Amino acid sequence: MYITTRHICFYAYLPRKDVWTLLVLKPPKQICADILRCQNVVLKSGYLAKRGKSNVKYNRYWFILKGDVLSYYTDPSDLYFLNGNIDLRYGVQASLVEGKGKEGTVTFFVATDERKYYFKADSAASAKEWVKALQKVIFRSHNEGDSVKISIPVENVIEVEESPVLEFADTFKLKVVDNDDTYAIDEVIEIF
């Protein structure tokens, strides 16, 4: 854990049931096969319109979200000819754009370290599904392993209190406002 002038930062442990199940219930050869199969699984696919980098016109492509990559093709029956791909390991955010587009389409974007990509889906439900799937991939790619990086803005901390949870460790509890929209209060317990 470390504290800056604006944030309290730490890593939180995330137990992984899927890995535990693999290790306990299956032989090693099957584990390797399962891991390789998961990397080649198509998480989502379908038509979206993508805005060009310098041309603001939207073109319709067939998209496939597999692993950490969002790939797009002109024709879904000819997947050997890739038009392009977006490496989501460098993804920062995926979100809906406020307001509706022409003819009921819904716009969303994916921001990476280098660029912001804009897409149009045929319906609000489709756009939400794509955004949710992309957010999961971006989150997973940034938090691979057994822990997740957490950064809490200092201005969101309401209260800090010593909390003797364990006799052999120093512990304290933070009460934090989740965000200004909901005013939900979360409690975080740190053990040293």
C-alpha atoms as a PDB file:
ATOM      1  CA  MET A   1       0.000   0.000   0.000  1.00  0.00           C
ATOM      2  CA  TYR A   2       1.181   3.522  -0.690  1.00  0.00           C
ATOM      3  CA  ILE A   3      -0.355   6.954  -0.291  1.00  0.00           C
ATOM      4  CA  THR A   4       0.150   9.891  -2.639  1.00  0.00           C
ATOM      5  CA  THR A   5      -1.171  13.447  -2.297  1.00  0.00           C
ATOM      6  CA  ARG A   6      -4.312  12.474  -4.221  1.00  0.00           C
ATOM      7  CA  HIS A   7      -4.756   8.686  -3.915  1.00  0.00           C
ATOM      8  CA  ILE A   8      -4.528   5.690  -1.618  1.00  0.00           C
ATOM      9  CA  CYS A   9      -3.238   2.805  -3.721  1.00  0.00           C
ATOM     10  CA  PHE A  10      -3.026  -0.919  -2.990  1.00  0.00           C
ATOM     11  CA  TYR A  11      -3.456  -4.384  -4.465  1.00  0.00           C
ATOM     12  CA  ALA A  12      -6.468  -6.509  -3.529  1.00  0.00           C
ATOM     13  CA  TYR A  13      -6.326 -10.294  -3.706  1.00  0.00           C
ATOM     14  CA  LEU A  14      -8.799 -11.912  -6.080  1.00  0.00           C
ATOM     15  CA  PRO A  15      -9.230 -15.678  -5.687  1.00  0.00           C
ATOM     16  CA  ARG A  16      -9.705 -17.359  -9.043  1.00  0.00           C
ATOM     17  CA  LYS A  17     -12.241 -20.189  -8.835  1.00  0.00           C
ATOM     18  CA  ASP A  18     -11.751 -21.201 -12.453  1.00  0.00           C
ATOM     19  CA  VAL A  19      -8.008 -21.814 -12.018  1.00  0.00           C
ATOM     20  CA  TRP A  20      -8.525 -23.612  -8.687  1.00  0.00           C
ATOM     21  CA  THR A  21     -11.127 -25.887 -10.279  1.00  0.00           C
ATOM     22  CA  LEU A  22      -8.750 -26.629 -13.154  1.00  0.00           C
ATOM     23  CA  LEU A  23      -5.880 -27.505 -10.822  1.00  0.00           C
ATOM     24  CA  VAL A  24      -7.869 -29.692  -8.449  1.00  0.00           C
ATOM     25  CA  LEU A  25     -10.218 -31.580 -10.710  1.00  0.00           C
ATOM     26  CA  LYS A  26      -8.324 -32.146 -13.958  1.00  0.00           C
ATOM     27  CA  PRO A  27      -5.097 -33.830 -15.054  1.00  0.00           C
ATOM     28  CA  PRO A  28      -2.227 -31.548 -16.273  1.00  0.00           C
ATOM     29  CA  LYS A  29      -2.691 -32.348 -19.986  1.00  0.00           C
ATOM     30  CA  GLN A  30      -6.368 -31.368 -19.788  1.00  0.00           C
ATOM     31  CA  ILE A  31      -5.488 -28.116 -17.953  1.00  0.00           C
ATOM     32  CA  CYS A  32      -3.150 -27.057 -20.797  1.00  0.00           C
ATOM     33  CA  ALA A  33      -5.783 -27.892 -23.401  1.00  0.00           C
ATOM     34  CA  ASP A  34      -8.437 -25.884 -21.511  1.00  0.00           C
ATOM     35  CA  ILE A  35      -6.181 -22.825 -21.183  1.00  0.00           C
ATOM     36  CA  LEU A  36      -5.348 -22.873 -24.905  1.00  0.00           C
ATOM     37  CA  ARG A  37      -9.014 -23.327 -25.813  1.00  0.00           C
ATOM     38  CA  CYS A  38     -10.011 -20.329 -23.627  1.00  0.00           C
ATOM     39  CA  GLN A  39      -7.537 -18.096 -25.479  1.00  0.00           C
ATOM     40  CA  ASN A  40      -9.129 -19.065 -28.810  1.00  0.00           C
ATOM     41  CA  VAL A  41     -12.750 -18.665 -27.718  1.00  0.00           C
ATOM     42  CA  VAL A  42     -14.772 -16.001 -29.503  1.00  0.00           C
ATOM     43  CA  LEU A  43     -16.250 -13.848 -26.730  1.00  0.00           C
ATOM     44  CA  LYS A  44     -18.487 -11.801 -29.025  1.00  0.00           C
ATOM     45  CA  SER A  45     -18.999 -11.281 -32.735  1.00  0.00           C
ATOM     46  CA  GLY A  46     -21.294  -9.275 -34.956  1.00  0.00           C
ATOM     47  CA  TYR A  47     -21.692  -6.327 -37.265  1.00  0.00           C
ATOM     48  CA  LEU A  48     -20.694  -2.837 -36.143  1.00  0.00           C
ATOM     49  CA  ALA A  49     -19.953   0.370 -38.008  1.00  0.00           C
ATOM     50  CA  LYS A  50     -16.481   1.805 -37.308  1.00  0.00           C
ATOM     51  CA  ARG A  51     -15.402   5.400 -37.858  1.00  0.00           C
ATOM     52  CA  GLY A  52     -12.111   5.893 -39.690  1.00  0.00           C
ATOM     53  CA  LYS A  53      -9.064   7.516 -38.113  1.00  0.00           C
ATOM     54  CA  SER A  54      -9.024  10.570 -40.368  1.00  0.00           C
ATOM     55  CA  ASN A  55     -12.288  10.006 -42.252  1.00  0.00           C
ATOM     56  CA  VAL A  56     -15.370  10.604 -40.088  1.00  0.00           C
ATOM     57  CA  LYS A  57     -17.476   8.270 -42.263  1.00  0.00           C
ATOM     58  CA  TYR A  58     -18.592   5.012 -40.638  1.00  0.00           C
ATOM     59  CA  ASN A  59     -17.985   1.732 -42.490  1.00  0.00           C
ATOM     60  CA  ARG A  60     -19.711  -1.530 -41.611  1.00  0.00           C
ATOM     61  CA  TYR A  61     -17.501  -4.481 -40.624  1.00  0.00           C
ATOM     62  CA  TRP A  62     -17.826  -7.917 -39.036  1.00  0.00           C
ATOM     63  CA  PHE A  63     -16.143  -7.795 -35.601  1.00  0.00           C
ATOM     64  CA  ILE A  64     -14.747 -10.658 -33.534  1.00  0.00           C
ATOM     65  CA  LEU A  65     -13.666 -10.243 -29.906  1.00  0.00           C
ATOM     66  CA  LYS A  66     -11.259 -13.060 -29.065  1.00  0.00           C
ATOM     67  CA  GLY A  67      -8.721 -13.034 -26.221  1.00  0.00           C
ATOM     68  CA  ASP A  68      -7.369  -9.486 -25.880  1.00  0.00           C
ATOM     69  CA  VAL A  69      -7.991  -8.521 -29.517  1.00  0.00           C
ATOM     70  CA  LEU A  70     -10.954  -6.962 -31.326  1.00  0.00           C
ATOM     71  CA  SER A  71     -10.559  -7.839 -35.026  1.00  0.00           C
ATOM     72  CA  TYR A  72     -12.656  -6.639 -37.934  1.00  0.00           C
ATOM     73  CA  TYR A  73     -13.312  -8.014 -41.395  1.00  0.00           C
ATOM     74  CA  THR A  74     -15.196  -6.904 -44.500  1.00  0.00           C
ATOM     75  CA  ASP A  75     -16.905 -10.271 -44.880  1.00  0.00           C
ATOM     76  CA  PRO A  76     -17.752 -12.735 -42.044  1.00  0.00           C
ATOM     77  CA  SER A  77     -17.426 -15.675 -44.454  1.00  0.00           C
ATOM     78  CA  ASP A  78     -13.845 -14.720 -45.396  1.00  0.00           C
ATOM     79  CA  LEU A  79     -11.915 -14.421 -42.119  1.00  0.00           C
ATOM     80  CA  TYR A  80      -8.519 -14.847 -43.799  1.00  0.00           C
ATOM     81  CA  PHE A  81      -8.543 -11.220 -44.931  1.00  0.00           C
ATOM     82  CA  LEU A  82      -8.301  -9.082 -41.812  1.00  0.00           C
ATOM     83  CA  ASN A  83      -9.082  -5.372 -42.210  1.00  0.00           C
ATOM     84  CA  GLY A  84      -7.567  -4.474 -38.839  1.00  0.00           C
ATOM     85  CA  ASN A  85      -7.495  -5.160 -35.143  1.00  0.00           C
ATOM     86  CA  ILE A  86      -7.392  -3.346 -31.814  1.00  0.00           C
ATOM     87  CA  ASP A  87      -5.105  -4.699 -29.098  1.00  0.00           C
ATOM     88  CA  LEU A  88      -7.152  -4.312 -25.913  1.00  0.00           C
ATOM     89  CA  ARG A  89      -4.119  -4.881 -23.672  1.00  0.00           C
ATOM     90  CA  TYR A  90      -3.554  -1.165 -24.318  1.00  0.00           C
ATOM     91  CA  GLY A  91      -7.230  -0.351 -23.768  1.00  0.00           C
ATOM     92  CA  VAL A  92      -8.072   2.324 -21.243  1.00  0.00           C
ATOM     93  CA  GLN A  93     -11.848   2.617 -21.488  1.00  0.00           C
ATOM     94  CA  ALA A  94     -14.941   1.375 -23.315  1.00  0.00           C
ATOM     95  CA  SER A  95     -18.103   3.410 -22.911  1.00  0.00           C
ATOM     96  CA  LEU A  96     -21.360   4.462 -24.530  1.00  0.00           C
ATOM     97  CA  VAL A  97     -21.506   7.936 -26.080  1.00  0.00           C
ATOM     98  CA  GLU A  98     -24.319  10.123 -24.770  1.00  0.00           C
ATOM     99  CA  GLY A  99     -27.185  10.760 -27.199  1.00  0.00           C
ATOM    100  CA  LYS A 100     -28.498   8.603 -30.028  1.00  0.00           C
ATOM    101  CA  GLY A 101     -27.207   8.574 -33.568  1.00  0.00           C
ATOM    102  CA  LYS A 102     -29.191   8.684 -36.784  1.00  0.00           C
ATOM    103  CA  GLU A 103     -31.757   5.976 -37.489  1.00  0.00           C
ATOM    104  CA  GLY A 104     -31.694   4.615 -33.922  1.00  0.00           C
ATOM    105  CA  THR A 105     -28.036   3.574 -33.919  1.00  0.00           C
ATOM    106  CA  VAL A 106     -26.094   3.880 -30.680  1.00  0.00           C
ATOM    107  CA  THR A 107     -22.493   5.044 -30.594  1.00  0.00           C
ATOM    108  CA  PHE A 108     -19.780   3.815 -28.236  1.00  0.00           C
ATOM    109  CA  PHE A 109     -16.013   4.121 -28.103  1.00  0.00           C
ATOM    110  CA  VAL A 110     -12.900   2.255 -27.075  1.00  0.00           C
ATOM    111  CA  ALA A 111      -9.949   4.365 -25.921  1.00  0.00           C
ATOM    112  CA  THR A 112      -6.420   2.959 -26.040  1.00  0.00           C
ATOM    113  CA  ASP A 113      -3.082   4.516 -25.157  1.00  0.00           C
ATOM    114  CA  GLU A 114      -2.749   5.777 -28.721  1.00  0.00           C
ATOM    115  CA  ARG A 115      -6.232   6.379 -30.100  1.00  0.00           C
ATOM    116  CA  LYS A 116      -9.984   6.560 -29.547  1.00  0.00           C
ATOM    117  CA  TYR A 117     -12.100   4.251 -31.759  1.00  0.00           C
ATOM    118  CA  TYR A 118     -15.777   5.056 -32.399  1.00  0.00           C
ATOM    119  CA  PHE A 119     -18.391   2.427 -33.264  1.00  0.00           C
ATOM    120  CA  LYS A 120     -22.112   2.362 -34.029  1.00  0.00           C
ATOM    121  CA  ALA A 121     -24.314  -0.571 -33.096  1.00  0.00           C
ATOM    122  CA  ASP A 122     -27.719  -1.340 -34.598  1.00  0.00           C
ATOM    123  CA  SER A 123     -29.480  -1.136 -31.220  1.00  0.00           C
ATOM    124  CA  ALA A 124     -28.982   0.113 -27.679  1.00  0.00           C
ATOM    125  CA  ALA A 125     -28.972  -3.468 -26.367  1.00  0.00           C
ATOM    126  CA  SER A 126     -26.258  -4.483 -28.821  1.00  0.00           C
ATOM    127  CA  ALA A 127     -24.119  -1.454 -27.935  1.00  0.00           C
ATOM    128  CA  LYS A 128     -24.444  -2.200 -24.202  1.00  0.00           C
ATOM    129  CA  GLU A 129     -23.464  -5.844 -24.765  1.00  0.00           C
ATOM    130  CA  TRP A 130     -20.389  -4.818 -26.756  1.00  0.00           C
ATOM    131  CA  VAL A 131     -19.338  -2.235 -24.171  1.00  0.00           C
ATOM    132  CA  LYS A 132     -19.765  -4.728 -21.320  1.00  0.00           C
ATOM    133  CA  ALA A 133     -17.727  -7.392 -23.144  1.00  0.00           C
ATOM    134  CA  LEU A 134     -14.989  -4.884 -24.040  1.00  0.00           C
ATOM    135  CA  GLN A 135     -14.838  -3.551 -20.466  1.00  0.00           C
ATOM    136  CA  LYS A 136     -14.396  -7.104 -19.146  1.00  0.00           C
ATOM    137  CA  VAL A 137     -11.537  -7.792 -21.555  1.00  0.00           C
ATOM    138  CA  ILE A 138      -9.817  -4.478 -20.750  1.00  0.00           C
ATOM    139  CA  PHE A 139     -10.177  -5.089 -17.005  1.00  0.00           C
ATOM    140  CA  ARG A 140      -8.887  -8.666 -17.273  1.00  0.00           C
ATOM    141  CA  SER A 141      -5.926  -7.662 -19.436  1.00  0.00           C
ATOM    142  CA  HIS A 142      -4.845  -5.025 -16.888  1.00  0.00           C
ATOM    143  CA  ASN A 143      -5.396  -7.258 -13.864  1.00  0.00           C
ATOM    144  CA  GLU A 144      -4.088 -10.634 -14.928  1.00  0.00           C
ATOM    145  CA  GLY A 145      -3.166 -12.833 -11.993  1.00  0.00           C
ATOM    146  CA  ASP A 146      -4.393 -13.018  -8.421  1.00  0.00           C
ATOM    147  CA  SER A 147      -4.651  -9.324  -7.566  1.00  0.00           C
ATOM    148  CA  VAL A 148      -6.185  -6.114  -8.825  1.00  0.00           C
ATOM    149  CA  LYS A 149      -4.776  -2.599  -8.550  1.00  0.00           C
ATOM    150  CA  ILE A 150      -7.040  -0.267  -6.572  1.00  0.00           C
ATOM    151  CA  SER A 151      -6.635   3.496  -6.395  1.00  0.00           C
ATOM    152  CA  ILE A 152      -8.979   5.453  -4.115  1.00  0.00           C
ATOM    153  CA  PRO A 153      -9.095   9.263  -4.424  1.00  0.00           C
ATOM    154  CA  VAL A 154      -8.301  10.837  -1.046  1.00  0.00           C
ATOM    155  CA  GLU A 155     -11.300  13.191  -1.340  1.00  0.00           C
ATOM    156  CA  ASN A 156     -13.607  10.125  -1.377  1.00  0.00           C
ATOM    157  CA  VAL A 157     -12.363   8.897   2.024  1.00  0.00           C
ATOM    158  CA  ILE A 158     -14.915   9.689   4.730  1.00  0.00           C
ATOM    159  CA  GLU A 159     -13.367   7.985   7.741  1.00  0.00           C
ATOM    160  CA  VAL A 160     -10.255   6.056   8.771  1.00  0.00           C
ATOM    161  CA  GLU A 161     -10.490   3.895  11.869  1.00  0.00           C
ATOM    162  CA  GLU A 162      -8.255   1.324  13.544  1.00  0.00           C
ATOM    163  CA  SER A 163      -9.890  -2.048  13.283  1.00  0.00           C
ATOM    164  CA  PRO A 164      -8.362  -4.890  15.334  1.00  0.00           C
ATOM    165  CA  VAL A 165      -9.400  -7.750  13.060  1.00  0.00           C
ATOM    166  CA  LEU A 166      -6.313  -9.881  13.670  1.00  0.00           C
ATOM    167  CA  GLU A 167      -4.147  -9.927  16.803  1.00  0.00           C
ATOM    168  CA  PHE A 168      -0.837 -10.314  14.982  1.00  0.00           C
ATOM    169  CA  ALA A 169      -1.378  -7.615  12.321  1.00  0.00           C
ATOM    170  CA  ASP A 170      -2.005  -3.886  12.129  1.00  0.00           C
ATOM    171  CA  THR A 171      -5.383  -3.242  10.499  1.00  0.00           C
ATOM    172  CA  PHE A 172      -7.516  -0.253   9.695  1.00  0.00           C
ATOM    173  CA  LYS A 173     -10.837   0.365   7.979  1.00  0.00           C
ATOM    174  CA  LEU A 174     -11.531   3.023   5.347  1.00  0.00           C
ATOM    175  CA  LYS A 175     -15.042   4.260   4.643  1.00  0.00           C
ATOM    176  CA  VAL A 176     -15.193   5.562   1.094  1.00  0.00           C
ATOM    177  CA  VAL A 177     -17.877   7.237  -1.041  1.00  0.00           C
ATOM    178  CA  ASP A 178     -18.140   5.168  -4.225  1.00  0.00           C
ATOM    179  CA  ASN A 179     -19.013   8.107  -6.513  1.00  0.00           C
ATOM    180  CA  ASP A 180     -20.965  11.342  -6.551  1.00  0.00           C
ATOM    181  CA  ASP A 181     -23.900   9.820  -8.463  1.00  0.00           C
ATOM    182  CA  THR A 182     -24.900   7.102  -6.003  1.00  0.00           C
ATOM    183  CA  TYR A 183     -23.243   8.184  -2.757  1.00  0.00           C
ATOM    184  CA  ALA A 184     -22.828   4.506  -1.927  1.00  0.00           C
ATOM    185  CA  ILE A 185     -20.389   3.903   0.918  1.00  0.00           C
ATOM    186  CA  ASP A 186     -17.852   1.085   0.698  1.00  0.00           C
ATOM    187  CA  GLU A 187     -15.663  -0.209   3.508  1.00  0.00           C
ATOM    188  CA  VAL A 188     -12.106  -1.330   2.823  1.00  0.00           C
ATOM    189  CA  ILE A 189     -10.055  -3.172   5.462  1.00  0.00           C
ATOM    190  CA  GLU A 190      -6.263  -3.124   5.104  1.00  0.00           C
ATOM    191  CA  ILE A 191      -4.103  -5.669   6.930  1.00  0.00           C
ATOM    192  CA  PHE A 192      -0.349  -5.269   7.408  1.00  0.00           C
END
